[in-house]
Protein backbone atom coordinates (compact mmCIF):
# COMPACT_ATOMS: atom_id res chain seq x y z
CA MET A 1 85.89 56.45 66.83
CA ILE A 2 83.93 53.35 67.86
CA ARG A 3 85.35 53.51 71.28
CA LYS A 4 84.03 57.12 71.61
CA LEU A 5 80.67 56.02 70.30
CA TYR A 6 80.52 53.21 72.89
CA THR A 7 81.57 55.58 75.63
CA LEU A 8 78.95 58.01 74.74
CA CYS A 9 76.21 55.41 74.61
CA ALA A 10 77.20 53.90 77.85
CA GLY A 11 77.00 57.37 79.46
CA LEU A 12 73.69 58.10 77.93
CA THR A 13 72.48 54.74 79.17
CA LEU A 14 73.78 55.35 82.75
CA PHE A 15 72.16 58.80 82.66
CA LEU A 16 68.71 57.30 81.75
CA TYR A 17 69.14 54.65 84.51
CA LEU A 18 69.96 57.26 87.04
CA SER A 19 67.15 59.50 85.96
CA SER A 20 64.71 56.70 86.44
CA HIS A 21 65.98 55.90 90.09
CA ALA A 22 65.47 59.60 91.61
CA GLN A 23 66.22 59.90 95.35
CA ALA A 24 63.52 60.57 97.84
CA LEU A 25 63.16 63.99 99.39
CA VAL A 26 62.11 63.91 103.18
CA ILE A 27 60.48 67.16 104.31
CA GLY A 28 61.07 67.02 108.07
CA PHE A 29 60.49 70.59 108.96
CA GLU A 30 63.85 70.49 111.10
CA ASP A 31 64.90 73.95 109.84
CA LEU A 32 61.75 75.44 111.20
CA THR A 33 62.51 76.11 114.90
CA THR A 34 59.77 78.54 115.77
CA ARG A 35 56.23 77.85 116.56
CA ASN A 36 54.25 79.86 114.17
CA ASN A 37 52.34 79.74 110.90
CA PHE A 38 53.94 79.49 107.51
CA ASN A 39 52.85 83.08 106.55
CA ASN A 40 54.45 84.66 109.52
CA LEU A 41 57.64 82.71 108.84
CA GLY A 42 57.65 84.08 105.35
CA ILE A 43 57.74 80.76 103.51
CA SER A 44 54.17 80.34 102.38
CA ASP A 45 55.15 80.14 98.64
CA THR A 46 58.80 79.09 98.84
CA TYR A 47 59.41 76.28 101.37
CA ASN A 48 61.39 73.37 99.55
CA GLY A 49 60.44 75.15 96.30
CA PHE A 50 56.77 74.14 96.61
CA GLU A 51 53.64 76.12 97.27
CA TRP A 52 51.70 75.62 100.65
CA GLY A 53 47.99 76.08 100.92
CA TYR A 54 44.84 75.09 102.86
CA GLY A 55 41.28 74.61 102.44
CA ASN A 56 38.02 74.75 104.50
CA THR A 57 36.09 72.65 101.93
CA ALA A 58 37.15 69.45 100.36
CA GLY A 59 38.81 69.76 97.06
CA ASN A 60 39.06 73.48 97.18
CA PRO A 61 42.67 74.85 97.78
CA ILE A 62 43.49 78.36 99.02
CA TRP A 63 47.04 79.49 97.94
CA THR A 64 46.83 83.02 99.28
CA ASN A 65 49.10 83.83 102.19
CA SER A 66 47.07 83.45 105.32
CA ALA A 67 47.14 82.99 109.09
CA GLU A 68 45.26 79.69 108.32
CA GLY A 69 46.92 76.45 107.20
CA TRP A 70 50.38 75.21 107.77
CA ALA A 71 52.49 75.93 110.78
CA SER A 72 55.52 74.68 112.52
CA ALA A 73 56.18 73.62 116.11
CA THR A 74 58.85 72.11 118.13
CA LEU A 75 59.16 69.65 121.10
CA THR A 76 60.06 72.63 123.25
CA ASN A 77 57.56 74.98 121.72
CA THR A 78 54.62 72.80 120.96
CA ALA A 79 51.35 73.44 119.10
CA VAL A 80 49.56 71.91 122.14
CA THR A 81 51.01 70.73 125.42
CA PRO A 82 51.81 67.80 125.65
CA PRO A 83 52.80 67.17 121.96
CA PRO A 84 52.04 63.81 120.20
CA ALA A 85 54.53 61.05 120.72
CA ASN A 86 56.93 59.82 118.20
CA VAL A 87 57.69 63.28 116.47
CA GLN A 88 60.49 62.65 114.06
CA GLY A 89 63.37 64.83 115.20
CA GLN A 90 62.44 68.15 116.93
CA SER A 91 60.10 69.87 114.69
CA TYR A 92 56.90 69.08 113.10
CA ALA A 93 54.02 70.79 111.03
CA TRP A 94 50.37 71.18 111.96
CA THR A 95 47.05 72.71 110.85
CA TRP A 96 47.22 76.26 112.13
CA ASP A 97 43.64 77.53 112.88
CA GLY A 98 42.31 74.12 111.87
CA PRO A 99 41.40 73.96 108.27
CA LEU A 100 39.82 70.87 106.93
CA SER A 101 42.81 70.21 104.34
CA LEU A 102 46.40 70.96 103.86
CA TRP A 103 47.68 71.40 100.30
CA ILE A 104 50.99 71.25 98.54
CA ASP A 105 51.56 72.19 94.90
CA PHE A 106 54.76 70.44 94.01
CA ARG A 107 54.88 72.55 90.62
CA SER A 108 55.83 69.31 88.77
CA LEU A 109 55.00 65.53 88.94
CA MET A 110 55.90 63.91 92.23
CA ASP A 111 55.17 60.56 93.98
CA PHE A 112 54.05 60.99 97.43
CA ASN A 113 55.19 57.95 99.23
CA SER A 114 54.56 58.30 103.05
CA GLY A 115 54.59 60.55 106.02
CA TYR A 116 54.03 60.68 109.80
CA PHE A 117 50.59 61.94 110.92
CA GLY A 118 48.93 62.08 114.38
CA THR A 119 46.62 64.37 116.49
CA LEU A 120 47.84 67.57 118.25
CA GLY A 121 48.31 65.64 121.49
CA PRO A 122 46.32 63.71 124.17
CA ASN A 123 42.96 65.08 125.09
CA TYR A 124 42.91 67.99 122.71
CA PRO A 125 39.10 68.51 121.96
CA SER A 126 39.31 69.29 118.29
CA ASN A 127 41.60 66.62 117.09
CA SER A 128 40.90 65.11 113.66
CA SER A 129 40.08 61.52 113.86
CA SER A 130 41.53 60.45 110.55
CA VAL A 131 43.25 61.69 107.32
CA GLN A 132 42.93 60.90 103.77
CA PHE A 133 45.51 61.72 100.86
CA ILE A 134 44.13 62.89 97.47
CA GLY A 135 46.33 63.41 94.50
CA TYR A 136 45.60 65.72 91.55
CA ASP A 137 47.13 66.30 88.19
CA ALA A 138 48.21 69.68 86.73
CA GLY A 139 44.55 70.21 85.73
CA MET A 140 43.29 69.76 89.24
CA SER A 141 41.53 66.46 88.44
CA VAL A 142 41.64 63.66 90.90
CA THR A 143 44.05 60.91 89.86
CA SER A 144 44.53 58.77 93.10
CA THR A 145 43.22 58.53 96.59
CA SER A 146 44.30 56.57 99.72
CA ALA A 147 42.27 54.88 102.28
CA VAL A 148 41.05 56.99 105.25
CA MET A 149 43.53 56.32 107.89
CA ALA A 150 42.83 56.72 111.71
CA LEU A 151 44.92 59.07 113.77
CA SER A 152 46.25 58.71 117.37
CA ASP A 153 48.08 60.59 119.88
CA THR A 154 51.33 58.88 118.52
CA MET A 155 52.45 60.08 115.22
CA THR A 156 52.36 57.12 112.82
CA LEU A 157 54.08 56.27 109.48
CA MET A 158 51.28 56.12 106.81
CA ASN A 159 52.00 54.85 103.41
CA ALA A 160 50.29 56.78 100.59
CA GLY A 161 51.53 55.34 97.27
CA LEU A 162 50.18 58.32 95.21
CA THR A 163 52.18 58.55 91.89
CA GLY A 164 52.52 61.15 89.20
CA ILE A 165 50.66 64.04 90.97
CA GLN A 166 51.15 67.77 91.12
CA PHE A 167 48.82 68.63 93.83
CA LEU A 168 48.50 66.75 97.25
CA GLU A 169 45.49 67.28 99.50
CA ILE A 170 45.77 65.97 103.10
CA ARG A 171 42.26 65.95 104.33
CA GLY A 172 41.23 65.65 107.85
CA SER A 173 37.92 64.50 109.15
CA GLY A 174 34.99 66.54 110.22
CA ASP A 175 34.79 70.29 109.93
CA ARG A 176 37.96 72.31 110.50
CA LYS A 177 39.74 69.56 112.68
CA TRP A 178 43.45 69.57 113.61
CA PHE A 179 46.24 67.16 112.95
CA THR A 180 50.09 66.98 112.84
CA VAL A 181 52.40 66.23 109.95
CA ASP A 182 56.22 65.15 109.73
CA ASP A 183 58.70 63.56 107.45
CA LEU A 184 56.78 63.71 104.18
CA ASN A 185 58.64 61.28 101.79
CA ILE A 186 58.32 62.31 98.04
CA THR A 187 60.27 61.60 94.83
CA PRO A 188 60.12 63.11 91.41
CA THR A 189 57.97 61.01 89.27
CA SER A 190 60.32 58.57 87.30
CA PRO A 191 60.87 59.35 83.69
CA SER A 192 59.49 55.95 82.85
CA GLU A 193 56.12 57.00 84.18
CA ILE A 194 55.82 60.21 82.28
CA PRO A 195 55.61 60.73 78.46
CA LEU A 196 59.17 60.42 77.10
CA PRO A 197 59.99 59.36 73.65
CA ALA A 198 59.70 55.51 73.84
CA ALA A 199 62.45 54.92 71.39
CA LEU A 200 65.16 56.84 73.48
CA PRO A 201 65.97 54.05 75.93
CA LEU A 202 65.92 51.44 73.06
CA LEU A 203 68.13 53.71 70.96
CA ALA A 204 70.69 54.23 73.76
CA GLY A 205 70.70 50.40 74.53
CA GLY A 206 70.96 49.48 70.81
CA LEU A 207 73.81 52.06 70.11
CA GLY A 208 75.68 50.90 73.16
CA LEU A 209 75.55 47.21 71.93
CA PHE A 210 76.58 48.35 68.57
CA GLY A 211 79.54 50.11 69.76
CA LEU A 212 80.53 47.31 71.97
CA MET A 213 80.50 44.87 69.25
CA GLY A 214 82.42 47.17 66.99
CA TRP A 215 85.13 47.74 69.59
CA ARG A 216 85.43 43.91 70.25
CA ARG A 217 85.86 43.24 66.43
CA LYS A 218 88.39 46.02 66.35
CA ARG A 219 90.48 44.41 69.18
CA LYS A 220 90.24 40.89 67.43
CA ALA A 221 91.44 42.44 64.21
CA ALA A 222 94.46 44.01 65.96
CA ALA A 223 95.25 40.79 67.68
CA VAL A 224 95.34 38.77 64.45
CA ALA A 225 97.45 41.39 62.90
């Protein structure tokens, strides 16, 4: 009985540990092999289980399917020729019809870690000069923002560090400017960062220790007998 209790507690402790070390999801757009907007691709509300939107004014997302907003392109069928350098893989995303912001509704709490961002390509006249990342909670209140980061014709890895957000706004500079996006790195927010019963990990650890002590005591008694 004590051994079963120990096994159960050890399993619970391992589950809690693994739950708090969620693996990152990298959205690389590699399965999108056509240069087109998300609406025409039929994935406006379903891609990777998230909702994808755009906005022409800061802080105001538009979630209805539209020819504006997110689009895909490839190195062989680019948004603009020539494409930016350092595209990760063969496909990337960009701001179709040049809205100010691209939006993602993760539909649960996520950490937005990093992504690759750049202009549409050399000498394009309406390139955005910078991007900024703004995170919102489920009630659409701003919870975190990044620094304003300069864009170039070479897609660059930019660290965001926005934790525990449901909505992400990727905001370009100026009015209806254009930029590219690739390899968005996100992870589900760790259970240790959201309201879980505080006693649960302590209970699992305590029961595991209790079970281990009982099991050792039982082995000693058996050895003496």
